[in-house]
C-alpha atoms as a PDB file:
ATOM      1  CA  MET A   1     119.423  99.010  62.799  1.00  0.00           C
ATOM      2  CA  ASP A   2     115.960  99.162  61.265  1.00  0.00           C
ATOM      3  CA  VAL A   3     117.291 101.151  58.316  1.00  0.00           C
ATOM      4  CA  ALA A   4     120.101  98.633  57.891  1.00  0.00           C
ATOM      5  CA  ARG A   5     117.600  95.742  58.092  1.00  0.00           C
ATOM      6  CA  GLN A   6     115.508  97.343  55.356  1.00  0.00           C
ATOM      7  CA  LEU A   7     118.542  97.889  53.132  1.00  0.00           C
ATOM      8  CA  PHE A   8     119.792  94.347  53.741  1.00  0.00           C
ATOM      9  CA  ALA A   9     116.317  93.032  52.915  1.00  0.00           C
ATOM     10  CA  ARG A  10     115.990  95.108  49.763  1.00  0.00           C
ATOM     11  CA  ILE A  11     119.458  94.942  48.196  1.00  0.00           C
ATOM     12  CA  GLY A  12     121.285  92.305  50.237  1.00  0.00           C
ATOM     13  CA  VAL A  13     123.999  92.417  52.866  1.00  0.00           C
ATOM     14  CA  GLU A  14     126.843  92.157  50.378  1.00  0.00           C
ATOM     15  CA  ASN A  15     125.491  95.014  48.250  1.00  0.00           C
ATOM     16  CA  THR A  16     124.897  97.369  51.188  1.00  0.00           C
ATOM     17  CA  THR A  17     127.720  99.658  52.281  1.00  0.00           C
ATOM     18  CA  MET A  18     128.260 101.531  55.538  1.00  0.00           C
ATOM     19  CA  ASN A  19     127.778 104.689  53.495  1.00  0.00           C
ATOM     20  CA  ASP A  20     124.366 103.429  52.265  1.00  0.00           C
ATOM     21  CA  ILE A  21     123.290 102.819  55.859  1.00  0.00           C
ATOM     22  CA  ALA A  22     124.558 106.216  57.002  1.00  0.00           C
ATOM     23  CA  MET A  23     122.785 108.045  54.183  1.00  0.00           C
ATOM     24  CA  ALA A  24     119.499 106.154  54.603  1.00  0.00           C
ATOM     25  CA  SER A  25     119.474 106.793  58.357  1.00  0.00           C
ATOM     26  CA  ASN A  26     120.428 110.464  57.977  1.00  0.00           C
ATOM     27  CA  LYS A  27     123.537 109.872  60.093  1.00  0.00           C
ATOM     28  CA  GLY A  28     127.167 110.372  59.336  1.00  0.00           C
ATOM     29  CA  ARG A  29     129.442 107.422  58.746  1.00  0.00           C
ATOM     30  CA  ARG A  30     131.406 108.456  61.834  1.00  0.00           C
ATOM     31  CA  THR A  31     128.266 108.066  63.917  1.00  0.00           C
ATOM     32  CA  LEU A  32     127.814 104.520  62.589  1.00  0.00           C
ATOM     33  CA  TYR A  33     131.412 103.660  63.364  1.00  0.00           C
ATOM     34  CA  THR A  34     130.876 104.894  66.917  1.00  0.00           C
ATOM     35  CA  TYR A  35     128.435 102.035  67.477  1.00  0.00           C
ATOM     36  CA  PHE A  36     129.563  99.404  64.982  1.00  0.00           C
ATOM     37  CA  LYS A  37     133.042  98.452  63.757  1.00  0.00           C
ATOM     38  CA  ASN A  38     131.766  97.299  60.378  1.00  0.00           C
ATOM     39  CA  LYS A  39     128.790  96.152  58.335  1.00  0.00           C
ATOM     40  CA  ASN A  40     129.090  92.603  59.692  1.00  0.00           C
ATOM     41  CA  GLU A  41     128.471  93.905  63.221  1.00  0.00           C
ATOM     42  CA  ILE A  42     125.353  95.700  62.022  1.00  0.00           C
ATOM     43  CA  TYR A  43     124.161  92.542  60.267  1.00  0.00           C
ATOM     44  CA  LEU A  44     124.667  90.501  63.436  1.00  0.00           C
ATOM     45  CA  ALA A  45     122.813  93.167  65.448  1.00  0.00           C
ATOM     46  CA  VAL A  46     119.909  92.967  62.981  1.00  0.00           C
ATOM     47  CA  VAL A  47     119.787  89.161  63.309  1.00  0.00           C
ATOM     48  CA  GLU A  48     119.997  89.455  67.113  1.00  0.00           C
ATOM     49  CA  ASN A  49     117.111  91.918  67.098  1.00  0.00           C
ATOM     50  CA  GLU A  50     115.015  89.510  65.012  1.00  0.00           C
ATOM     51  CA  LEU A  51     115.810  86.696  67.462  1.00  0.00           C
ATOM     52  CA  ASN A  52     114.839  88.930  70.401  1.00  0.00           C
ATOM     53  CA  GLN A  53     111.471  89.578  68.734  1.00  0.00           C
ATOM     54  CA  LEU A  54     111.031  85.835  68.268  1.00  0.00           C
ATOM     55  CA  PHE A  55     111.924  85.166  71.900  1.00  0.00           C
ATOM     56  CA  LEU A  56     109.304  87.642  73.121  1.00  0.00           C
ATOM     57  CA  ARG A  57     106.638  85.771  71.123  1.00  0.00           C
ATOM     58  CA  LEU A  58     107.766  82.422  72.500  1.00  0.00           C
ATOM     59  CA  GLU A  59     107.957  83.740  76.050  1.00  0.00           C
ATOM     60  CA  GLU A  60     104.384  84.992  75.738  1.00  0.00           C
ATOM     61  CA  VAL A  61     103.244  81.503  74.657  1.00  0.00           C
ATOM     62  CA  ALA A  62     105.133  79.861  77.540  1.00  0.00           C
ATOM     63  CA  GLN A  63     103.293  82.121  80.009  1.00  0.00           C
ATOM     64  CA  ARG A  64      99.790  81.398  78.687  1.00  0.00           C
ATOM     65  CA  ASP A  65      97.301  79.545  80.814  1.00  0.00           C
ATOM     66  CA  TYR A  66      97.110  76.474  78.563  1.00  0.00           C
ATOM     67  CA  SER A  67      97.501  72.808  79.337  1.00  0.00           C
ATOM     68  CA  PRO A  68     101.148  71.724  78.939  1.00  0.00           C
ATOM     69  CA  GLU A  69     100.241  69.749  75.775  1.00  0.00           C
ATOM     70  CA  GLU A  70      98.505  72.693  74.159  1.00  0.00           C
ATOM     71  CA  LYS A  71     101.239  75.082  75.267  1.00  0.00           C
ATOM     72  CA  LEU A  72     103.946  72.879  73.743  1.00  0.00           C
ATOM     73  CA  MET A  73     102.139  72.615  70.410  1.00  0.00           C
ATOM     74  CA  VAL A  74     101.355  76.345  70.258  1.00  0.00           C
ATOM     75  CA  PHE A  75     105.016  76.992  71.142  1.00  0.00           C
ATOM     76  CA  ILE A  76     106.225  74.768  68.284  1.00  0.00           C
ATOM     77  CA  TYR A  77     103.975  76.361  65.665  1.00  0.00           C
ATOM     78  CA  THR A  78     104.467  79.908  66.907  1.00  0.00           C
ATOM     79  CA  ARG A  79     108.196  79.295  66.628  1.00  0.00           C
ATOM     80  CA  LEU A  80     108.051  77.848  63.115  1.00  0.00           C
ATOM     81  CA  GLU A  81     105.763  80.588  61.829  1.00  0.00           C
ATOM     82  CA  ALA A  82     107.724  83.398  63.508  1.00  0.00           C
ATOM     83  CA  ILE A  83     111.025  82.214  62.037  1.00  0.00           C
ATOM     84  CA  LYS A  84     109.428  81.873  58.605  1.00  0.00           C
ATOM     85  CA  GLU A  85     107.895  85.365  58.884  1.00  0.00           C
ATOM     86  CA  ALA A  86     111.221  86.888  59.950  1.00  0.00           C
ATOM     87  CA  VAL A  87     113.072  85.291  57.062  1.00  0.00           C
ATOM     88  CA  TYR A  88     110.442  86.328  54.500  1.00  0.00           C
ATOM     89  CA  ARG A  89     110.033  89.827  55.953  1.00  0.00           C
ATOM     90  CA  ASN A  90     113.697  90.402  55.416  1.00  0.00           C
ATOM     91  CA  GLY A  91     113.672  89.698  51.690  1.00  0.00           C
ATOM     92  CA  THR A  92     117.173  89.084  50.416  1.00  0.00           C
ATOM     93  CA  LEU A  93     118.279  88.422  53.963  1.00  0.00           C
ATOM     94  CA  ARG A  94     116.604  85.078  53.328  1.00  0.00           C
ATOM     95  CA  ALA A  95     119.281  84.181  50.816  1.00  0.00           C
ATOM     96  CA  ASP A  96     121.983  85.361  53.222  1.00  0.00           C
ATOM     97  CA  PHE A  97     120.375  83.325  56.025  1.00  0.00           C
ATOM     98  CA  PHE A  98     120.595  80.123  53.990  1.00  0.00           C
ATOM     99  CA  ARG A  99     123.979  80.926  52.420  1.00  0.00           C
ATOM    100  CA  ASP A 100     125.739  82.053  55.576  1.00  0.00           C
ATOM    101  CA  ILE A 101     124.064  80.059  58.319  1.00  0.00           C
ATOM    102  CA  TRP A 102     127.279  79.972  60.385  1.00  0.00           C
ATOM    103  CA  ARG A 103     127.285  83.748  60.743  1.00  0.00           C
ATOM    104  CA  VAL A 104     123.686  83.529  61.987  1.00  0.00           C
ATOM    105  CA  GLU A 105     124.668  80.697  64.354  1.00  0.00           C
ATOM    106  CA  THR A 106     127.083  83.028  66.167  1.00  0.00           C
ATOM    107  CA  VAL A 107     124.207  85.244  67.255  1.00  0.00           C
ATOM    108  CA  ARG A 108     121.808  82.380  67.765  1.00  0.00           C
ATOM    109  CA  LYS A 109     123.777  80.771  70.621  1.00  0.00           C
ATOM    110  CA  GLN A 110     122.326  83.098  73.269  1.00  0.00           C
ATOM    111  CA  PHE A 111     118.852  82.669  71.818  1.00  0.00           C
ATOM    112  CA  ASP A 112     119.218  78.885  71.969  1.00  0.00           C
ATOM    113  CA  VAL A 113     119.975  78.988  75.700  1.00  0.00           C
ATOM    114  CA  LYS A 114     116.859  81.082  76.358  1.00  0.00           C
ATOM    115  CA  GLU A 115     114.705  78.937  74.081  1.00  0.00           C
ATOM    116  CA  ILE A 116     115.806  75.740  75.848  1.00  0.00           C
ATOM    117  CA  GLN A 117     114.851  77.370  79.171  1.00  0.00           C
ATOM    118  CA  LEU A 118     111.334  78.007  77.841  1.00  0.00           C
ATOM    119  CA  ILE A 119     111.012  74.435  76.575  1.00  0.00           C
ATOM    120  CA  ARG A 120     112.341  73.117  79.892  1.00  0.00           C
ATOM    121  CA  GLY A 121     109.708  75.168  81.720  1.00  0.00           C
ATOM    122  CA  ILE A 122     106.869  73.756  79.608  1.00  0.00           C
ATOM    123  CA  LEU A 123     108.149  70.194  80.054  1.00  0.00           C
ATOM    124  CA  THR A 124     108.591  70.677  83.813  1.00  0.00           C
ATOM    125  CA  GLU A 125     105.043  71.984  84.104  1.00  0.00           C
ATOM    126  CA  GLY A 126     103.785  68.970  82.156  1.00  0.00           C
ATOM    127  CA  VAL A 127     105.666  66.516  84.375  1.00  0.00           C
ATOM    128  CA  MET A 128     104.458  68.252  87.544  1.00  0.00           C
ATOM    129  CA  LYS A 129     100.840  68.116  86.329  1.00  0.00           C
ATOM    130  CA  GLY A 130     101.209  64.449  85.355  1.00  0.00           C
ATOM    131  CA  ASP A 131     100.683  65.120  81.632  1.00  0.00           C
ATOM    132  CA  PHE A 132     104.231  64.239  80.537  1.00  0.00           C
ATOM    133  CA  GLU A 133     106.634  61.501  81.521  1.00  0.00           C
ATOM    134  CA  MET A 134     110.280  61.420  80.471  1.00  0.00           C
ATOM    135  CA  PRO A 135     113.565  60.082  81.799  1.00  0.00           C
ATOM    136  CA  SER A 136     115.178  63.549  81.870  1.00  0.00           C
ATOM    137  CA  ILE A 137     113.538  66.930  81.396  1.00  0.00           C
ATOM    138  CA  GLU A 138     116.907  68.519  80.629  1.00  0.00           C
ATOM    139  CA  THR A 139     117.837  66.006  77.935  1.00  0.00           C
ATOM    140  CA  THR A 140     114.346  66.077  76.431  1.00  0.00           C
ATOM    141  CA  ALA A 141     114.420  69.899  76.291  1.00  0.00           C
ATOM    142  CA  HIS A 142     117.702  69.816  74.355  1.00  0.00           C
ATOM    143  CA  ILE A 143     116.531  67.073  71.990  1.00  0.00           C
ATOM    144  CA  LEU A 144     113.256  68.868  71.310  1.00  0.00           C
ATOM    145  CA  HIS A 145     115.102  72.152  70.732  1.00  0.00           C
ATOM    146  CA  TYR A 146     117.432  70.612  68.143  1.00  0.00           C
ATOM    147  CA  THR A 147     114.536  68.749  66.542  1.00  0.00           C
ATOM    148  CA  LEU A 148     112.710  72.050  66.096  1.00  0.00           C
ATOM    149  CA  ARG A 149     115.839  73.664  64.665  1.00  0.00           C
ATOM    150  CA  GLY A 150     115.991  70.833  62.152  1.00  0.00           C
ATOM    151  CA  LEU A 151     112.489  71.750  60.980  1.00  0.00           C
ATOM    152  CA  ASP A 152     113.371  75.434  60.406  1.00  0.00           C
ATOM    153  CA  VAL A 153     114.789  75.263  56.885  1.00  0.00           C
ATOM    154  CA  PRO A 154     112.334  72.692  55.442  1.00  0.00           C
ATOM    155  CA  TYR A 155     109.419  74.633  56.946  1.00  0.00           C
ATOM    156  CA  ILE A 156     110.661  77.989  55.609  1.00  0.00           C
ATOM    157  CA  ARG A 157     111.314  76.542  52.158  1.00  0.00           C
ATOM    158  CA  GLY A 158     107.896  74.875  52.022  1.00  0.00           C
ATOM    159  CA  ASN A 159     109.322  71.375  51.624  1.00  0.00           C
ATOM    160  CA  PHE A 160     106.364  69.810  53.454  1.00  0.00           C
ATOM    161  CA  LYS A 161     103.870  71.518  51.173  1.00  0.00           C
ATOM    162  CA  ASN A 162     105.933  70.451  48.146  1.00  0.00           C
ATOM    163  CA  GLN A 163     105.639  66.849  49.392  1.00  0.00           C
ATOM    164  CA  GLY A 164     101.853  67.169  49.493  1.00  0.00           C
ATOM    165  CA  ILE A 165     101.699  67.498  53.281  1.00  0.00           C
ATOM    166  CA  GLU A 166      99.268  70.302  54.012  1.00  0.00           C
ATOM    167  CA  ARG A 167      99.633  72.469  57.111  1.00  0.00           C
ATOM    168  CA  GLY A 168      96.846  70.749  59.093  1.00  0.00           C
ATOM    169  CA  LYS A 169      98.268  67.292  58.444  1.00  0.00           C
ATOM    170  CA  LEU A 170     101.778  68.435  59.304  1.00  0.00           C
ATOM    171  CA  ARG A 171     100.492  69.777  62.615  1.00  0.00           C
ATOM    172  CA  GLU A 172      98.768  66.438  63.278  1.00  0.00           C
ATOM    173  CA  HIS A 173     101.973  64.497  62.537  1.00  0.00           C
ATOM    174  CA  VAL A 174     104.155  66.773  64.676  1.00  0.00           C
ATOM    175  CA  TYR A 175     101.613  66.528  67.506  1.00  0.00           C
ATOM    176  CA  SER A 176     101.591  62.744  67.292  1.00  0.00           C
ATOM    177  CA  LEU A 177     105.375  62.436  67.115  1.00  0.00           C
ATOM    178  CA  VAL A 178     106.132  64.900  69.910  1.00  0.00           C
ATOM    179  CA  LEU A 179     103.407  63.817  72.304  1.00  0.00           C
ATOM    180  CA  ASN A 180     102.944  60.121  71.452  1.00  0.00           C
ATOM    181  CA  GLY A 181     106.242  59.028  69.951  1.00  0.00           C
ATOM    182  CA  ILE A 182     106.379  56.218  67.427  1.00  0.00           C
ATOM    183  CA  ARG A 183     106.350  53.162  69.665  1.00  0.00           C
ATOM    184  CA  LYS A 184     103.154  51.297  70.470  1.00  0.00           C
ATOM    185  CA  HIS A 185     101.989  52.468  73.866  1.00  0.00           C
ATOM    186  CA  SER A 186     101.624  48.924  75.190  1.00  0.00           C
ATOM    187  CA  LYS A 187     105.404  48.357  74.927  1.00  0.00           C
ATOM    188  CA  ILE A 188     107.588  49.157  77.918  1.00  0.00           C
ATOM    189  CA  ILE A 189     110.912  50.893  77.509  1.00  0.00           C
ATOM    190  CA  ASN A 190     113.579  48.731  79.201  1.00  0.00           C
ATOM    191  CA  ASN A 191     116.790  50.635  78.552  1.00  0.00           C
ATOM    192  CA  GLN A 192     116.439  54.367  78.787  1.00  0.00           C
END
């Protein structure tokens, strides 16, 4: 898989053949076909491996001895940076990632479930310690997860920087939005 990842990164998924992967890994094509039906399966395995690496980083953050607020913010930025690093590390895979996001989404479903569990754990810890208050931990975990997913592409592409929002300011805005919301704190929410 690592050889395939390197080939995909260097020359692109579409330009890489099963024969290229076999030759670069010093394996026969038959050996490849023993484990993978086709190049698409190898590509999905490469993406899954990248997501597993990302999950390990996020899991490590979720287990740190930080306050829930700090843990949530470190989680968010570790996630954004790790996804950006993975996309950039994989060169032309970046173009494939943006062009064929639905193929990536197939593999990402299992990752999403695990990521939501980590977010839920951080939120639960915050509620139990009295740092967070929310109508539903489960719903908030899902909303936060999809909000973070919505930041992936703009963050990777540098859209915030292009808008003149430097990294420190972006962090400050995300912190404020996630932890304080946009409503004045003196107002009471009537209909949740």
